[in-house]
Amino acid sequence: MDRKIIRAEGAPAPIGPYSQAIEAAGFLFCSGQIPLDPKTGVLIQGDMVAQTKRILDNFDAVLKAAGSSLSNTVKLTVYLTQLGDFDALNKVLAEKFPDAPPARAVVQVSALPKGASVEMDLIAIKAVHSPR
């Protein structure tokens, strides 16, 4: 099976030895994203709504670089340091995935890189093909 490394200029550079995403078998496996500004690599300021939007925008850049889009997400995993942020998270996800939300898991963790409050990883399909 071939695998291809995906690199998007519009998303933050990795902060460790990993790829932004890997394409394999028609799927895109996106590494965890925290709410980093893609230009500065610095954690953004703001509430859970702003942080979630930043992460999803970063994913969108990675997926577009791979020829896909956020709407092709099939699995989303969310890591929160405070489950009290669950409602704010859901608000943004309902806006971004209004018709066909992906399968999802949300777990509370004790800490995340760079002191972030939220991290997400996702799996998307390369492209949606229309039935013939």
C-alpha atoms as a PDB file:
ATOM      1  CA  MET A   1       0.000   0.000   0.000  1.00  0.00           C
ATOM      2  CA  ASP A   2       1.311   3.399  -0.966  1.00  0.00           C
ATOM      3  CA  ARG A   3       1.252   6.267   1.458  1.00  0.00           C
ATOM      4  CA  LYS A   4       1.772   9.925   0.763  1.00  0.00           C
ATOM      5  CA  ILE A   5       2.791  12.646   3.191  1.00  0.00           C
ATOM      6  CA  ILE A   6       0.548  15.711   3.054  1.00  0.00           C
ATOM      7  CA  ARG A   7       2.044  19.123   3.767  1.00  0.00           C
ATOM      8  CA  ALA A   8      -0.075  22.294   3.795  1.00  0.00           C
ATOM      9  CA  GLU A   9       1.455  25.739   3.927  1.00  0.00           C
ATOM     10  CA  GLY A  10      -1.845  27.129   5.301  1.00  0.00           C
ATOM     11  CA  ALA A  11      -1.647  25.026   8.462  1.00  0.00           C
ATOM     12  CA  PRO A  12       0.822  25.115  11.349  1.00  0.00           C
ATOM     13  CA  ALA A  13       4.058  23.240  10.836  1.00  0.00           C
ATOM     14  CA  PRO A  14       4.369  20.106  12.981  1.00  0.00           C
ATOM     15  CA  ILE A  15       5.832  20.729  16.438  1.00  0.00           C
ATOM     16  CA  GLY A  16       7.420  17.289  16.542  1.00  0.00           C
ATOM     17  CA  PRO A  17       8.450  14.342  14.377  1.00  0.00           C
ATOM     18  CA  TYR A  18       5.153  13.754  12.577  1.00  0.00           C
ATOM     19  CA  SER A  19       3.373  14.666   9.349  1.00  0.00           C
ATOM     20  CA  GLN A  20       0.347  16.955   9.149  1.00  0.00           C
ATOM     21  CA  ALA A  21      -1.458  14.090   7.414  1.00  0.00           C
ATOM     22  CA  ILE A  22      -0.877  10.824   5.621  1.00  0.00           C
ATOM     23  CA  GLU A  23      -2.888   9.684   2.617  1.00  0.00           C
ATOM     24  CA  ALA A  24      -3.331   5.924   2.368  1.00  0.00           C
ATOM     25  CA  ALA A  25      -5.963   3.648   0.787  1.00  0.00           C
ATOM     26  CA  GLY A  26      -8.215   6.587  -0.101  1.00  0.00           C
ATOM     27  CA  PHE A  27      -8.197   7.956   3.436  1.00  0.00           C
ATOM     28  CA  LEU A  28      -6.530  11.012   4.964  1.00  0.00           C
ATOM     29  CA  PHE A  29      -5.246  10.496   8.493  1.00  0.00           C
ATOM     30  CA  CYS A  30      -4.729  13.956  10.006  1.00  0.00           C
ATOM     31  CA  SER A  31      -2.460  14.378  12.997  1.00  0.00           C
ATOM     32  CA  GLY A  32      -3.679  16.134  16.104  1.00  0.00           C
ATOM     33  CA  GLN A  33      -4.135  19.872  15.831  1.00  0.00           C
ATOM     34  CA  ILE A  34      -4.156  22.335  18.682  1.00  0.00           C
ATOM     35  CA  PRO A  35      -5.305  25.927  18.062  1.00  0.00           C
ATOM     36  CA  LEU A  36      -2.052  27.268  16.629  1.00  0.00           C
ATOM     37  CA  ASP A  37      -1.889  30.280  14.359  1.00  0.00           C
ATOM     38  CA  PRO A  38      -0.535  28.866  11.089  1.00  0.00           C
ATOM     39  CA  LYS A  39       1.652  31.920  10.438  1.00  0.00           C
ATOM     40  CA  THR A  40       3.269  32.261  13.853  1.00  0.00           C
ATOM     41  CA  GLY A  41       2.970  28.764  15.300  1.00  0.00           C
ATOM     42  CA  VAL A  42       1.723  30.361  18.525  1.00  0.00           C
ATOM     43  CA  LEU A  43      -1.314  29.170  20.468  1.00  0.00           C
ATOM     44  CA  ILE A  44      -4.190  31.563  19.767  1.00  0.00           C
ATOM     45  CA  GLN A  45      -6.007  33.394  22.530  1.00  0.00           C
ATOM     46  CA  GLY A  46      -9.744  33.067  22.863  1.00  0.00           C
ATOM     47  CA  ASP A  47     -12.562  30.943  24.136  1.00  0.00           C
ATOM     48  CA  MET A  48     -13.420  27.384  23.111  1.00  0.00           C
ATOM     49  CA  VAL A  49     -15.428  28.654  20.124  1.00  0.00           C
ATOM     50  CA  ALA A  50     -12.418  30.542  18.732  1.00  0.00           C
ATOM     51  CA  GLN A  51     -10.042  27.681  19.477  1.00  0.00           C
ATOM     52  CA  THR A  52     -12.297  25.091  17.833  1.00  0.00           C
ATOM     53  CA  LYS A  53     -12.740  27.256  14.739  1.00  0.00           C
ATOM     54  CA  ARG A  54      -8.956  27.702  14.459  1.00  0.00           C
ATOM     55  CA  ILE A  55      -8.374  23.955  14.639  1.00  0.00           C
ATOM     56  CA  LEU A  56     -11.026  23.251  12.001  1.00  0.00           C
ATOM     57  CA  ASP A  57      -9.587  25.961   9.731  1.00  0.00           C
ATOM     58  CA  ASN A  58      -6.168  24.319  10.117  1.00  0.00           C
ATOM     59  CA  PHE A  59      -7.644  20.929   9.216  1.00  0.00           C
ATOM     60  CA  ASP A  60      -9.405  22.472   6.241  1.00  0.00           C
ATOM     61  CA  ALA A  61      -6.054  23.726   4.906  1.00  0.00           C
ATOM     62  CA  VAL A  62      -4.488  20.276   5.294  1.00  0.00           C
ATOM     63  CA  LEU A  63      -7.443  18.543   3.651  1.00  0.00           C
ATOM     64  CA  LYS A  64      -7.498  21.010   0.750  1.00  0.00           C
ATOM     65  CA  ALA A  65      -3.776  20.403   0.199  1.00  0.00           C
ATOM     66  CA  ALA A  66      -4.668  16.720  -0.154  1.00  0.00           C
ATOM     67  CA  GLY A  67      -7.518  17.394  -2.582  1.00  0.00           C
ATOM     68  CA  SER A  68     -10.289  16.909  -0.043  1.00  0.00           C
ATOM     69  CA  SER A  69     -12.342  19.044   2.336  1.00  0.00           C
ATOM     70  CA  LEU A  70     -13.642  19.168   5.876  1.00  0.00           C
ATOM     71  CA  SER A  71     -17.017  17.873   4.663  1.00  0.00           C
ATOM     72  CA  ASN A  72     -15.320  14.542   3.849  1.00  0.00           C
ATOM     73  CA  THR A  73     -14.487  13.913   7.525  1.00  0.00           C
ATOM     74  CA  VAL A  74     -15.624  10.477   8.674  1.00  0.00           C
ATOM     75  CA  LYS A  75     -14.112  10.337  12.192  1.00  0.00           C
ATOM     76  CA  LEU A  76     -13.239  13.133  14.615  1.00  0.00           C
ATOM     77  CA  THR A  77     -11.604  12.684  17.994  1.00  0.00           C
ATOM     78  CA  VAL A  78     -11.597  15.597  20.431  1.00  0.00           C
ATOM     79  CA  TYR A  79      -9.441  15.918  23.534  1.00  0.00           C
ATOM     80  CA  LEU A  80     -10.544  18.525  26.100  1.00  0.00           C
ATOM     81  CA  THR A  81      -8.832  19.521  29.320  1.00  0.00           C
ATOM     82  CA  GLN A  82     -12.243  20.648  30.672  1.00  0.00           C
ATOM     83  CA  LEU A  83     -15.462  18.827  29.812  1.00  0.00           C
ATOM     84  CA  GLY A  84     -17.228  22.068  30.747  1.00  0.00           C
ATOM     85  CA  ASP A  85     -16.233  23.234  27.232  1.00  0.00           C
ATOM     86  CA  PHE A  86     -18.396  20.498  25.660  1.00  0.00           C
ATOM     87  CA  ASP A  87     -21.355  22.783  24.804  1.00  0.00           C
ATOM     88  CA  ALA A  88     -19.167  25.437  23.146  1.00  0.00           C
ATOM     89  CA  LEU A  89     -17.407  22.702  21.167  1.00  0.00           C
ATOM     90  CA  ASN A  90     -20.739  21.263  20.028  1.00  0.00           C
ATOM     91  CA  LYS A  91     -21.927  24.699  18.888  1.00  0.00           C
ATOM     92  CA  VAL A  92     -19.022  25.053  16.447  1.00  0.00           C
ATOM     93  CA  LEU A  93     -19.159  21.450  15.258  1.00  0.00           C
ATOM     94  CA  ALA A  94     -22.888  21.787  14.526  1.00  0.00           C
ATOM     95  CA  GLU A  95     -22.101  24.833  12.351  1.00  0.00           C
ATOM     96  CA  LYS A  96     -19.218  23.139  10.508  1.00  0.00           C
ATOM     97  CA  PHE A  97     -20.988  19.799   9.982  1.00  0.00           C
ATOM     98  CA  PRO A  98     -24.690  20.759   9.647  1.00  0.00           C
ATOM     99  CA  ASP A  99     -25.932  17.902   7.466  1.00  0.00           C
ATOM    100  CA  ALA A 100     -23.692  14.881   7.878  1.00  0.00           C
ATOM    101  CA  PRO A 101     -21.594  15.077  11.029  1.00  0.00           C
ATOM    102  CA  PRO A 102     -18.740  12.588  11.328  1.00  0.00           C
ATOM    103  CA  ALA A 103     -18.491   9.821  13.876  1.00  0.00           C
ATOM    104  CA  ARG A 104     -16.927  11.354  16.981  1.00  0.00           C
ATOM    105  CA  ALA A 105     -15.384  10.759  20.367  1.00  0.00           C
ATOM    106  CA  VAL A 106     -14.734  13.389  23.044  1.00  0.00           C
ATOM    107  CA  VAL A 107     -12.459  12.608  25.965  1.00  0.00           C
ATOM    108  CA  GLN A 108     -11.116  14.636  28.849  1.00  0.00           C
ATOM    109  CA  VAL A 109      -7.357  14.671  29.291  1.00  0.00           C
ATOM    110  CA  SER A 110      -5.155  16.148  31.993  1.00  0.00           C
ATOM    111  CA  ALA A 111      -2.899  18.180  29.698  1.00  0.00           C
ATOM    112  CA  LEU A 112      -2.163  18.937  26.043  1.00  0.00           C
ATOM    113  CA  PRO A 113       0.906  20.256  24.178  1.00  0.00           C
ATOM    114  CA  LYS A 114       1.788  23.921  24.721  1.00  0.00           C
ATOM    115  CA  GLY A 115      -0.900  24.199  27.421  1.00  0.00           C
ATOM    116  CA  ALA A 116      -3.756  23.982  24.890  1.00  0.00           C
ATOM    117  CA  SER A 117      -7.326  23.398  26.096  1.00  0.00           C
ATOM    118  CA  VAL A 118      -8.382  21.357  23.066  1.00  0.00           C
ATOM    119  CA  GLU A 119      -6.815  19.071  20.479  1.00  0.00           C
ATOM    120  CA  MET A 120      -8.466  17.179  17.642  1.00  0.00           C
ATOM    121  CA  ASP A 121      -7.442  14.571  15.124  1.00  0.00           C
ATOM    122  CA  LEU A 122      -9.493  13.317  12.227  1.00  0.00           C
ATOM    123  CA  ILE A 123      -9.843  10.838   9.424  1.00  0.00           C
ATOM    124  CA  ALA A 124     -11.336  11.925   6.104  1.00  0.00           C
ATOM    125  CA  ILE A 125     -11.903  10.304   2.777  1.00  0.00           C
ATOM    126  CA  LYS A 126      -9.924  11.636  -0.152  1.00  0.00           C
ATOM    127  CA  ALA A 127     -13.004  12.516  -2.201  1.00  0.00           C
ATOM    128  CA  VAL A 128     -16.669  11.769  -2.327  1.00  0.00           C
ATOM    129  CA  HIS A 129     -17.658  10.077  -5.565  1.00  0.00           C
ATOM    130  CA  SER A 130     -21.198  10.411  -6.870  1.00  0.00           C
ATOM    131  CA  PRO A 131     -23.037   7.172  -7.522  1.00  0.00           C
ATOM    132  CA  ARG A 132     -23.351   6.344 -11.219  1.00  0.00           C
END
